[in-house]
Amino acid sequence: MKTLLSCEFNMDTGCVELRYSDDSMISINCTAVEDEVANSRFQRSELDWLIYNDPLSYAELILNGDPEKYLRTVTEIPQLDSD
């Protein structure tokens, strides 16, 4: 059984990288994910927050979750005043 050794965002590649004890690695291209699942700058902002503050949760969401459902749940779009 392989063990997760590290999970971090690599600013040079724009990827969240997971490294395992068997020397394997998973690299998640964050730009490609945002292009595929985010429909607004507000949704991109939610994903960016995860990337920078909790890359492991981001990786789990992308690999095992439903990112569209997550974004529908957490994204708040400010309403403009019509006054």
C-alpha atoms as a PDB file:
ATOM      1  CA  MET A   1       0.000   0.000   0.000  1.00  0.00           C
ATOM      2  CA  LYS A   2       1.412   3.363  -0.991  1.00  0.00           C
ATOM      3  CA  THR A   3       1.427   6.189   1.515  1.00  0.00           C
ATOM      4  CA  LEU A   4       0.975   9.855   0.667  1.00  0.00           C
ATOM      5  CA  LEU A   5       4.194  11.686   1.529  1.00  0.00           C
ATOM      6  CA  SER A   6       3.355  15.226   0.430  1.00  0.00           C
ATOM      7  CA  CYS A   7       0.746  17.350  -1.259  1.00  0.00           C
ATOM      8  CA  GLU A   8       1.550  20.890  -2.322  1.00  0.00           C
ATOM      9  CA  PHE A   9       0.854  23.489  -4.955  1.00  0.00           C
ATOM     10  CA  ASN A  10       3.765  24.021  -7.344  1.00  0.00           C
ATOM     11  CA  MET A  11       3.608  27.638  -8.522  1.00  0.00           C
ATOM     12  CA  ASP A  12       6.080  26.962 -11.333  1.00  0.00           C
ATOM     13  CA  THR A  13       3.840  24.388 -13.015  1.00  0.00           C
ATOM     14  CA  GLY A  14       0.421  25.551 -11.760  1.00  0.00           C
ATOM     15  CA  CYS A  15      -0.253  22.038 -10.472  1.00  0.00           C
ATOM     16  CA  VAL A  16      -1.150  20.447  -7.163  1.00  0.00           C
ATOM     17  CA  GLU A  17       1.327  17.581  -6.784  1.00  0.00           C
ATOM     18  CA  LEU A  18       0.840  14.490  -4.650  1.00  0.00           C
ATOM     19  CA  ARG A  19       3.912  12.331  -3.953  1.00  0.00           C
ATOM     20  CA  TYR A  20       3.645   8.767  -2.690  1.00  0.00           C
ATOM     21  CA  SER A  21       6.007   6.391  -0.893  1.00  0.00           C
ATOM     22  CA  ASP A  22       6.425   4.197  -3.990  1.00  0.00           C
ATOM     23  CA  ASP A  23       7.959   7.190  -5.868  1.00  0.00           C
ATOM     24  CA  SER A  24       4.788   7.744  -7.895  1.00  0.00           C
ATOM     25  CA  MET A  25       3.282  11.188  -8.313  1.00  0.00           C
ATOM     26  CA  ILE A  26      -0.059  12.649  -9.340  1.00  0.00           C
ATOM     27  CA  SER A  27      -0.033  16.149 -10.796  1.00  0.00           C
ATOM     28  CA  ILE A  28      -3.345  18.015 -11.116  1.00  0.00           C
ATOM     29  CA  ASN A  29      -3.286  20.860 -13.657  1.00  0.00           C
ATOM     30  CA  CYS A  30      -5.270  23.538 -11.806  1.00  0.00           C
ATOM     31  CA  THR A  31      -5.779  25.752 -14.868  1.00  0.00           C
ATOM     32  CA  ALA A  32      -7.302  22.854 -16.811  1.00  0.00           C
ATOM     33  CA  VAL A  33      -9.589  21.989 -13.889  1.00  0.00           C
ATOM     34  CA  GLU A  34     -10.772  25.599 -13.574  1.00  0.00           C
ATOM     35  CA  ASP A  35     -11.405  25.791 -17.323  1.00  0.00           C
ATOM     36  CA  GLU A  36     -13.505  22.631 -17.113  1.00  0.00           C
ATOM     37  CA  VAL A  37     -15.589  23.154 -13.950  1.00  0.00           C
ATOM     38  CA  ALA A  38     -15.641  26.865 -13.032  1.00  0.00           C
ATOM     39  CA  ASN A  39     -18.227  29.039 -14.752  1.00  0.00           C
ATOM     40  CA  SER A  40     -17.409  32.375 -13.120  1.00  0.00           C
ATOM     41  CA  ARG A  41     -14.638  34.297 -11.440  1.00  0.00           C
ATOM     42  CA  PHE A  42     -16.353  33.596  -8.127  1.00  0.00           C
ATOM     43  CA  GLN A  43     -16.097  29.835  -8.644  1.00  0.00           C
ATOM     44  CA  ARG A  44     -12.460  30.204  -9.731  1.00  0.00           C
ATOM     45  CA  SER A  45     -11.836  32.157  -6.553  1.00  0.00           C
ATOM     46  CA  GLU A  46     -13.251  29.319  -4.437  1.00  0.00           C
ATOM     47  CA  LEU A  47     -10.963  26.817  -6.160  1.00  0.00           C
ATOM     48  CA  ASP A  48      -7.978  29.149  -5.818  1.00  0.00           C
ATOM     49  CA  TRP A  49      -8.589  29.446  -2.085  1.00  0.00           C
ATOM     50  CA  LEU A  50      -8.411  25.662  -1.745  1.00  0.00           C
ATOM     51  CA  ILE A  51      -5.311  25.426  -3.927  1.00  0.00           C
ATOM     52  CA  TYR A  52      -3.344  27.885  -1.805  1.00  0.00           C
ATOM     53  CA  ASN A  53      -4.753  27.108   1.650  1.00  0.00           C
ATOM     54  CA  ASP A  54      -5.634  23.414   1.588  1.00  0.00           C
ATOM     55  CA  PRO A  55      -4.141  21.638  -1.445  1.00  0.00           C
ATOM     56  CA  LEU A  56      -4.932  18.186  -0.014  1.00  0.00           C
ATOM     57  CA  SER A  57      -8.660  18.988   0.180  1.00  0.00           C
ATOM     58  CA  TYR A  58      -8.456  20.372  -3.362  1.00  0.00           C
ATOM     59  CA  ALA A  59      -6.830  17.157  -4.601  1.00  0.00           C
ATOM     60  CA  GLU A  60      -9.415  15.008  -2.808  1.00  0.00           C
ATOM     61  CA  LEU A  61     -12.239  17.090  -4.298  1.00  0.00           C
ATOM     62  CA  ILE A  62     -10.900  16.788  -7.834  1.00  0.00           C
ATOM     63  CA  LEU A  63      -9.926  13.105  -7.629  1.00  0.00           C
ATOM     64  CA  ASN A  64     -12.810  11.749  -5.535  1.00  0.00           C
ATOM     65  CA  GLY A  65     -15.505  14.379  -5.298  1.00  0.00           C
ATOM     66  CA  ASP A  66     -17.933  16.353  -7.366  1.00  0.00           C
ATOM     67  CA  PRO A  67     -16.341  19.779  -7.947  1.00  0.00           C
ATOM     68  CA  GLU A  68     -19.407  21.183  -9.751  1.00  0.00           C
ATOM     69  CA  LYS A  69     -21.668  20.324  -6.811  1.00  0.00           C
ATOM     70  CA  TYR A  70     -19.103  21.745  -4.372  1.00  0.00           C
ATOM     71  CA  LEU A  71     -18.938  25.011  -6.321  1.00  0.00           C
ATOM     72  CA  ARG A  72     -22.726  25.313  -6.488  1.00  0.00           C
ATOM     73  CA  THR A  73     -22.837  24.880  -2.713  1.00  0.00           C
ATOM     74  CA  VAL A  74     -20.061  27.244  -1.583  1.00  0.00           C
ATOM     75  CA  THR A  75     -19.976  30.023  -4.176  1.00  0.00           C
ATOM     76  CA  GLU A  76     -21.614  33.274  -3.176  1.00  0.00           C
ATOM     77  CA  ILE A  77     -22.261  35.748  -5.955  1.00  0.00           C
ATOM     78  CA  PRO A  78     -22.716  39.295  -4.690  1.00  0.00           C
ATOM     79  CA  GLN A  79     -25.883  41.007  -5.812  1.00  0.00           C
ATOM     80  CA  LEU A  80     -25.642  44.515  -7.224  1.00  0.00           C
ATOM     81  CA  ASP A  81     -27.830  47.175  -5.657  1.00  0.00           C
ATOM     82  CA  SER A  82     -30.433  48.467  -8.078  1.00  0.00           C
ATOM     83  CA  ASP A  83     -30.925  51.766  -6.215  1.00  0.00           C
END
